[in-house]
All heavy atoms as atom14 arrays in JSON, in Angstrom:
{
  "sequence": "VNAAEVFPSSTGIIGVPLPAEKLVAKLAEL",
  "atom14_mask": [
    [1, 1, 1, 1, 1, 1, 1, 0, 0, 0, 0, 0, 0, 0],
    [1, 1, 1, 1, 1, 1, 1, 1, 0, 0, 0, 0, 0, 0],
    [1, 1, 1, 1, 1, 0, 0, 0, 0, 0, 0, 0, 0, 0],
    [1, 1, 1, 1, 1, 0, 0, 0, 0, 0, 0, 0, 0, 0],
    [1, 1, 1, 1, 1, 1, 1, 1, 1, 0, 0, 0, 0, 0],
    [1, 1, 1, 1, 1, 1, 1, 0, 0, 0, 0, 0, 0, 0],
    [1, 1, 1, 1, 1, 1, 1, 1, 1, 1, 1, 0, 0, 0],
    [1, 1, 1, 1, 1, 1, 1, 0, 0, 0, 0, 0, 0, 0],
    [1, 1, 1, 1, 1, 1, 0, 0, 0, 0, 0, 0, 0, 0],
    [1, 1, 1, 1, 1, 1, 0, 0, 0, 0, 0, 0, 0, 0],
    [1, 1, 1, 1, 1, 1, 1, 0, 0, 0, 0, 0, 0, 0],
    [1, 1, 1, 1, 0, 0, 0, 0, 0, 0, 0, 0, 0, 0],
    [1, 1, 1, 1, 1, 1, 1, 1, 0, 0, 0, 0, 0, 0],
    [1, 1, 1, 1, 1, 1, 1, 1, 0, 0, 0, 0, 0, 0],
    [1, 1, 1, 1, 0, 0, 0, 0, 0, 0, 0, 0, 0, 0],
    [1, 1, 1, 1, 1, 1, 1, 0, 0, 0, 0, 0, 0, 0],
    [1, 1, 1, 1, 1, 1, 1, 0, 0, 0, 0, 0, 0, 0],
    [1, 1, 1, 1, 1, 1, 1, 1, 0, 0, 0, 0, 0, 0],
    [1, 1, 1, 1, 1, 1, 1, 0, 0, 0, 0, 0, 0, 0],
    [1, 1, 1, 1, 1, 0, 0, 0, 0, 0, 0, 0, 0, 0],
    [1, 1, 1, 1, 1, 1, 1, 1, 1, 0, 0, 0, 0, 0],
    [1, 1, 1, 1, 1, 1, 1, 1, 1, 0, 0, 0, 0, 0],
    [1, 1, 1, 1, 1, 1, 1, 1, 0, 0, 0, 0, 0, 0],
    [1, 1, 1, 1, 1, 1, 1, 0, 0, 0, 0, 0, 0, 0],
    [1, 1, 1, 1, 1, 0, 0, 0, 0, 0, 0, 0, 0, 0],
    [1, 1, 1, 1, 1, 1, 1, 1, 1, 0, 0, 0, 0, 0],
    [1, 1, 1, 1, 1, 1, 1, 1, 0, 0, 0, 0, 0, 0],
    [1, 1, 1, 1, 1, 0, 0, 0, 0, 0, 0, 0, 0, 0],
    [1, 1, 1, 1, 1, 1, 1, 1, 1, 0, 0, 0, 0, 0],
    [1, 1, 1, 1, 1, 1, 1, 1, 0, 0, 0, 0, 0, 0]
  ],
  "atom14_positions": [
    [[0.89, -1.24, -0.05], [0.01, -0.02, 0.03], [0.89, 1.28, -0.01], [2.09, 1.16, 0.16], [-0.92, -0.01, 1.16], [-1.85, -1.24, 1.28], [-0.16, 0.14, 2.53], [0.0, 0.0, 0.0], [0.0, 0.0, 0.0], [0.0, 0.0, 0.0], [0.0, 0.0, 0.0], [0.0, 0.0, 0.0], [0.0, 0.0, 0.0], [0.0, 0.0, 0.0]],
    [[0.29, 2.4, -0.11], [1.03, 3.66, -0.06], [1.44, 3.97, 1.37], [0.67, 3.7, 2.3], [0.11, 4.76, -0.59], [0.87, 6.08, -0.79], [1.46, 6.6, 0.1], [0.77, 6.55, -2.08], [0.0, 0.0, 0.0], [0.0, 0.0, 0.0], [0.0, 0.0, 0.0], [0.0, 0.0, 0.0], [0.0, 0.0, 0.0], [0.0, 0.0, 0.0]],
    [[2.61, 4.53, 1.58], [3.09, 4.74, 2.93], [2.16, 5.76, 3.62], [2.06, 5.66, 4.89], [4.54, 5.26, 2.89], [0.0, 0.0, 0.0], [0.0, 0.0, 0.0], [0.0, 0.0, 0.0], [0.0, 0.0, 0.0], [0.0, 0.0, 0.0], [0.0, 0.0, 0.0], [0.0, 0.0, 0.0], [0.0, 0.0, 0.0], [0.0, 0.0, 0.0]],
    [[1.62, 6.65, 2.95], [0.63, 7.66, 3.52], [-0.6, 6.97, 4.12], [-1.36, 7.57, 4.83], [0.32, 8.77, 2.57], [0.0, 0.0, 0.0], [0.0, 0.0, 0.0], [0.0, 0.0, 0.0], [0.0, 0.0, 0.0], [0.0, 0.0, 0.0], [0.0, 0.0, 0.0], [0.0, 0.0, 0.0], [0.0, 0.0, 0.0], [0.0, 0.0, 0.0]],
    [[-0.88, 5.78, 3.69], [-2.01, 4.99, 4.12], [-1.81, 4.22, 5.37], [-2.67, 3.43, 5.84], [-2.64, 4.08, 3.03], [-3.09, 4.89, 1.82], [-3.59, 3.99, 0.67], [-2.83, 3.09, 0.37], [-4.68, 4.27, 0.19], [0.0, 0.0, 0.0], [0.0, 0.0, 0.0], [0.0, 0.0, 0.0], [0.0, 0.0, 0.0], [0.0, 0.0, 0.0]],
    [[-0.59, 4.34, 5.89], [-0.18, 3.65, 7.23], [-0.2, 4.75, 8.27], [0.52, 5.57, 8.26], [1.15, 2.93, 7.09], [1.52, 2.29, 8.43], [1.19, 1.92, 5.95], [0.0, 0.0, 0.0], [0.0, 0.0, 0.0], [0.0, 0.0, 0.0], [0.0, 0.0, 0.0], [0.0, 0.0, 0.0], [0.0, 0.0, 0.0], [0.0, 0.0, 0.0]],
    [[-1.1, 4.53, 9.24], [-1.27, 5.49, 10.33], [-0.56, 5.01, 11.58], [-0.8, 3.9, 12.03], [-2.74, 5.64, 10.61], [-3.13, 6.7, 11.6], [-3.4, 8.03, 11.21], [-3.09, 6.49, 12.98], [-3.72, 9.01, 12.15], [-3.41, 7.48, 13.95], [-3.62, 8.74, 13.54], [0.0, 0.0, 0.0], [0.0, 0.0, 0.0], [0.0, 0.0, 0.0]],
    [[0.41, 5.83, 12.1], [1.2, 5.36, 13.25], [0.68, 5.9, 14.63], [0.1, 7.0, 14.66], [2.54, 5.92, 12.88], [2.23, 7.3, 12.25], [0.94, 7.08, 11.46], [0.0, 0.0, 0.0], [0.0, 0.0, 0.0], [0.0, 0.0, 0.0], [0.0, 0.0, 0.0], [0.0, 0.0, 0.0], [0.0, 0.0, 0.0], [0.0, 0.0, 0.0]],
    [[0.93, 5.16, 15.68], [0.64, 5.66, 17.02], [1.77, 5.07, 17.99], [2.25, 4.02, 17.71], [-0.72, 5.16, 17.49], [-1.79, 5.79, 16.83], [0.0, 0.0, 0.0], [0.0, 0.0, 0.0], [0.0, 0.0, 0.0], [0.0, 0.0, 0.0], [0.0, 0.0, 0.0], [0.0, 0.0, 0.0], [0.0, 0.0, 0.0], [0.0, 0.0, 0.0]],
    [[2.04, 5.81, 19.0], [2.95, 5.34, 19.98], [2.43, 5.73, 21.33], [1.77, 6.78, 21.56], [4.33, 5.98, 19.81], [4.98, 5.61, 18.56], [0.0, 0.0, 0.0], [0.0, 0.0, 0.0], [0.0, 0.0, 0.0], [0.0, 0.0, 0.0], [0.0, 0.0, 0.0], [0.0, 0.0, 0.0], [0.0, 0.0, 0.0], [0.0, 0.0, 0.0]],
    [[2.85, 4.98, 22.4], [2.5, 5.33, 23.81], [3.53, 4.74, 24.72], [4.08, 3.64, 24.51], [1.02, 4.84, 24.15], [0.83, 5.18, 25.52], [0.98, 3.34, 23.99], [0.0, 0.0, 0.0], [0.0, 0.0, 0.0], [0.0, 0.0, 0.0], [0.0, 0.0, 0.0], [0.0, 0.0, 0.0], [0.0, 0.0, 0.0], [0.0, 0.0, 0.0]],
    [[3.89, 5.54, 25.79], [4.89, 5.08, 26.69], [5.73, 6.24, 27.17], [5.22, 7.37, 27.36], [0.0, 0.0, 0.0], [0.0, 0.0, 0.0], [0.0, 0.0, 0.0], [0.0, 0.0, 0.0], [0.0, 0.0, 0.0], [0.0, 0.0, 0.0], [0.0, 0.0, 0.0], [0.0, 0.0, 0.0], [0.0, 0.0, 0.0], [0.0, 0.0, 0.0]],
    [[6.95, 5.96, 27.45], [7.85, 6.99, 28.05], [8.31, 8.03, 27.03], [8.57, 7.71, 25.96], [9.09, 6.31, 28.62], [8.63, 5.33, 29.72], [10.06, 7.37, 29.21], [9.76, 4.46, 30.29], [0.0, 0.0, 0.0], [0.0, 0.0, 0.0], [0.0, 0.0, 0.0], [0.0, 0.0, 0.0], [0.0, 0.0, 0.0], [0.0, 0.0, 0.0]],
    [[8.27, 9.33, 27.49], [8.69, 10.44, 26.68], [10.16, 10.62, 26.67], [10.84, 10.35, 27.7], [8.02, 11.74, 27.17], [6.49, 11.69, 26.9], [8.58, 13.01, 26.51], [5.76, 12.87, 27.55], [0.0, 0.0, 0.0], [0.0, 0.0, 0.0], [0.0, 0.0, 0.0], [0.0, 0.0, 0.0], [0.0, 0.0, 0.0], [0.0, 0.0, 0.0]],
    [[10.79, 11.0, 25.57], [12.18, 11.38, 25.5], [13.14, 10.3, 25.2], [14.35, 10.5, 25.16], [0.0, 0.0, 0.0], [0.0, 0.0, 0.0], [0.0, 0.0, 0.0], [0.0, 0.0, 0.0], [0.0, 0.0, 0.0], [0.0, 0.0, 0.0], [0.0, 0.0, 0.0], [0.0, 0.0, 0.0], [0.0, 0.0, 0.0], [0.0, 0.0, 0.0]],
    [[12.66, 9.02, 24.98], [13.56, 7.9, 24.64], [13.48, 7.66, 23.11], [12.39, 7.5, 22.55], [13.03, 6.68, 25.42], [13.92, 5.49, 25.11], [13.12, 6.86, 26.93], [0.0, 0.0, 0.0], [0.0, 0.0, 0.0], [0.0, 0.0, 0.0], [0.0, 0.0, 0.0], [0.0, 0.0, 0.0], [0.0, 0.0, 0.0], [0.0, 0.0, 0.0]],
    [[14.65, 7.55, 22.47], [14.63, 7.29, 21.0], [13.84, 6.03, 20.7], [14.01, 5.04, 21.36], [16.08, 7.17, 20.67], [16.81, 8.0, 21.72], [16.01, 7.77, 22.99], [0.0, 0.0, 0.0], [0.0, 0.0, 0.0], [0.0, 0.0, 0.0], [0.0, 0.0, 0.0], [0.0, 0.0, 0.0], [0.0, 0.0, 0.0], [0.0, 0.0, 0.0]],
    [[13.05, 6.05, 19.63], [12.28, 4.95, 19.17], [13.28, 3.89, 18.46], [13.95, 4.26, 17.44], [11.22, 5.33, 18.23], [10.34, 4.17, 17.69], [9.37, 3.67, 18.89], [9.49, 4.64, 16.48], [0.0, 0.0, 0.0], [0.0, 0.0, 0.0], [0.0, 0.0, 0.0], [0.0, 0.0, 0.0], [0.0, 0.0, 0.0], [0.0, 0.0, 0.0]],
    [[13.32, 2.68, 18.94], [14.18, 1.67, 18.28], [13.56, 1.09, 16.99], [13.01, 0.04, 17.11], [14.37, 0.63, 19.34], [13.1, 0.74, 20.19], [12.76, 2.17, 20.11], [0.0, 0.0, 0.0], [0.0, 0.0, 0.0], [0.0, 0.0, 0.0], [0.0, 0.0, 0.0], [0.0, 0.0, 0.0], [0.0, 0.0, 0.0], [0.0, 0.0, 0.0]],
    [[13.62, 1.92, 16.03], [12.92, 1.58, 14.7], [13.28, 0.23, 14.24], [12.5, -0.56, 13.73], [13.12, 2.58, 13.64], [0.0, 0.0, 0.0], [0.0, 0.0, 0.0], [0.0, 0.0, 0.0], [0.0, 0.0, 0.0], [0.0, 0.0, 0.0], [0.0, 0.0, 0.0], [0.0, 0.0, 0.0], [0.0, 0.0, 0.0], [0.0, 0.0, 0.0]],
    [[14.55, -0.2, 14.44], [14.98, -1.5, 13.89], [14.26, -2.6, 14.55], [13.99, -3.7, 13.94], [16.52, -1.62, 14.13], [16.98, -1.72, 15.56], [17.04, -0.4, 16.23], [16.78, 0.67, 15.6], [17.33, -0.36, 17.5], [0.0, 0.0, 0.0], [0.0, 0.0, 0.0], [0.0, 0.0, 0.0], [0.0, 0.0, 0.0], [0.0, 0.0, 0.0]],
    [[13.95, -2.48, 15.89], [13.16, -3.6, 16.49], [11.75, -3.68, 15.96], [11.24, -4.84, 15.8], [13.1, -3.27, 17.99], [14.39, -3.41, 18.81], [14.22, -3.17, 20.29], [15.49, -3.42, 21.06], [15.3, -3.23, 22.57], [0.0, 0.0, 0.0], [0.0, 0.0, 0.0], [0.0, 0.0, 0.0], [0.0, 0.0, 0.0], [0.0, 0.0, 0.0]],
    [[11.1, -2.61, 15.56], [9.8, -2.61, 15.02], [9.83, -3.14, 13.58], [9.02, -4.1, 13.25], [9.21, -1.28, 15.02], [9.07, -0.51, 16.35], [8.39, 0.82, 16.16], [8.44, -1.27, 17.45], [0.0, 0.0, 0.0], [0.0, 0.0, 0.0], [0.0, 0.0, 0.0], [0.0, 0.0, 0.0], [0.0, 0.0, 0.0], [0.0, 0.0, 0.0]],
    [[10.73, -2.71, 12.86], [10.89, -3.18, 11.46], [11.12, -4.74, 11.43], [10.56, -5.45, 10.6], [12.08, -2.45, 10.7], [12.34, -3.13, 9.37], [11.68, -1.01, 10.51], [0.0, 0.0, 0.0], [0.0, 0.0, 0.0], [0.0, 0.0, 0.0], [0.0, 0.0, 0.0], [0.0, 0.0, 0.0], [0.0, 0.0, 0.0], [0.0, 0.0, 0.0]],
    [[11.92, -5.24, 12.38], [12.15, -6.63, 12.4], [11.04, -7.55, 12.67], [10.98, -8.7, 12.33], [13.29, -6.97, 13.46], [0.0, 0.0, 0.0], [0.0, 0.0, 0.0], [0.0, 0.0, 0.0], [0.0, 0.0, 0.0], [0.0, 0.0, 0.0], [0.0, 0.0, 0.0], [0.0, 0.0, 0.0], [0.0, 0.0, 0.0], [0.0, 0.0, 0.0]],
    [[9.94, -6.96, 13.18], [8.69, -7.74, 13.52], [7.56, -7.52, 12.57], [6.55, -8.16, 12.67], [8.25, -7.37, 14.98], [9.09, -7.94, 16.07], [8.84, -9.47, 16.11], [9.66, -10.12, 17.25], [9.43, -11.57, 17.32], [0.0, 0.0, 0.0], [0.0, 0.0, 0.0], [0.0, 0.0, 0.0], [0.0, 0.0, 0.0], [0.0, 0.0, 0.0]],
    [[7.72, -6.6, 11.61], [6.66, -6.28, 10.68], [6.13, -7.41, 9.85], [5.01, -7.71, 9.66], [7.02, -5.12, 9.85], [7.16, -3.73, 10.61], [7.51, -2.68, 9.54], [5.79, -3.37, 11.17], [0.0, 0.0, 0.0], [0.0, 0.0, 0.0], [0.0, 0.0, 0.0], [0.0, 0.0, 0.0], [0.0, 0.0, 0.0], [0.0, 0.0, 0.0]],
    [[7.11, -8.29, 9.33], [6.77, -9.38, 8.44], [5.95, -10.39, 9.21], [4.99, -10.94, 8.76], [8.02, -10.06, 7.88], [0.0, 0.0, 0.0], [0.0, 0.0, 0.0], [0.0, 0.0, 0.0], [0.0, 0.0, 0.0], [0.0, 0.0, 0.0], [0.0, 0.0, 0.0], [0.0, 0.0, 0.0], [0.0, 0.0, 0.0], [0.0, 0.0, 0.0]],
    [[6.27, -10.6, 10.52], [5.5, -11.44, 11.37], [4.14, -10.98, 11.65], [3.19, -11.69, 11.53], [6.22, -11.66, 12.74], [5.51, -12.53, 13.78], [6.18, -12.53, 15.13], [7.46, -12.36, 15.19], [5.37, -12.72, 16.09], [0.0, 0.0, 0.0], [0.0, 0.0, 0.0], [0.0, 0.0, 0.0], [0.0, 0.0, 0.0], [0.0, 0.0, 0.0]],
    [[4.01, -9.64, 11.83], [2.66, -9.03, 12.07], [1.84, -9.21, 10.76], [0.58, -9.64, 10.91], [2.84, -7.61, 12.35], [3.23, -7.1, 13.76], [3.3, -5.58, 13.82], [2.16, -7.66, 14.74], [0.0, 0.0, 0.0], [0.0, 0.0, 0.0], [0.0, 0.0, 0.0], [0.0, 0.0, 0.0], [0.0, 0.0, 0.0], [0.0, 0.0, 0.0]]
  ]
}
């Protein structure tokens, strides 16, 4: 799909860099 059609949300601790590589590694499984 188009990247603009993917809506993101996050919740948790403020001020901590998002470990994008951890999320990307799980996307195929999802």
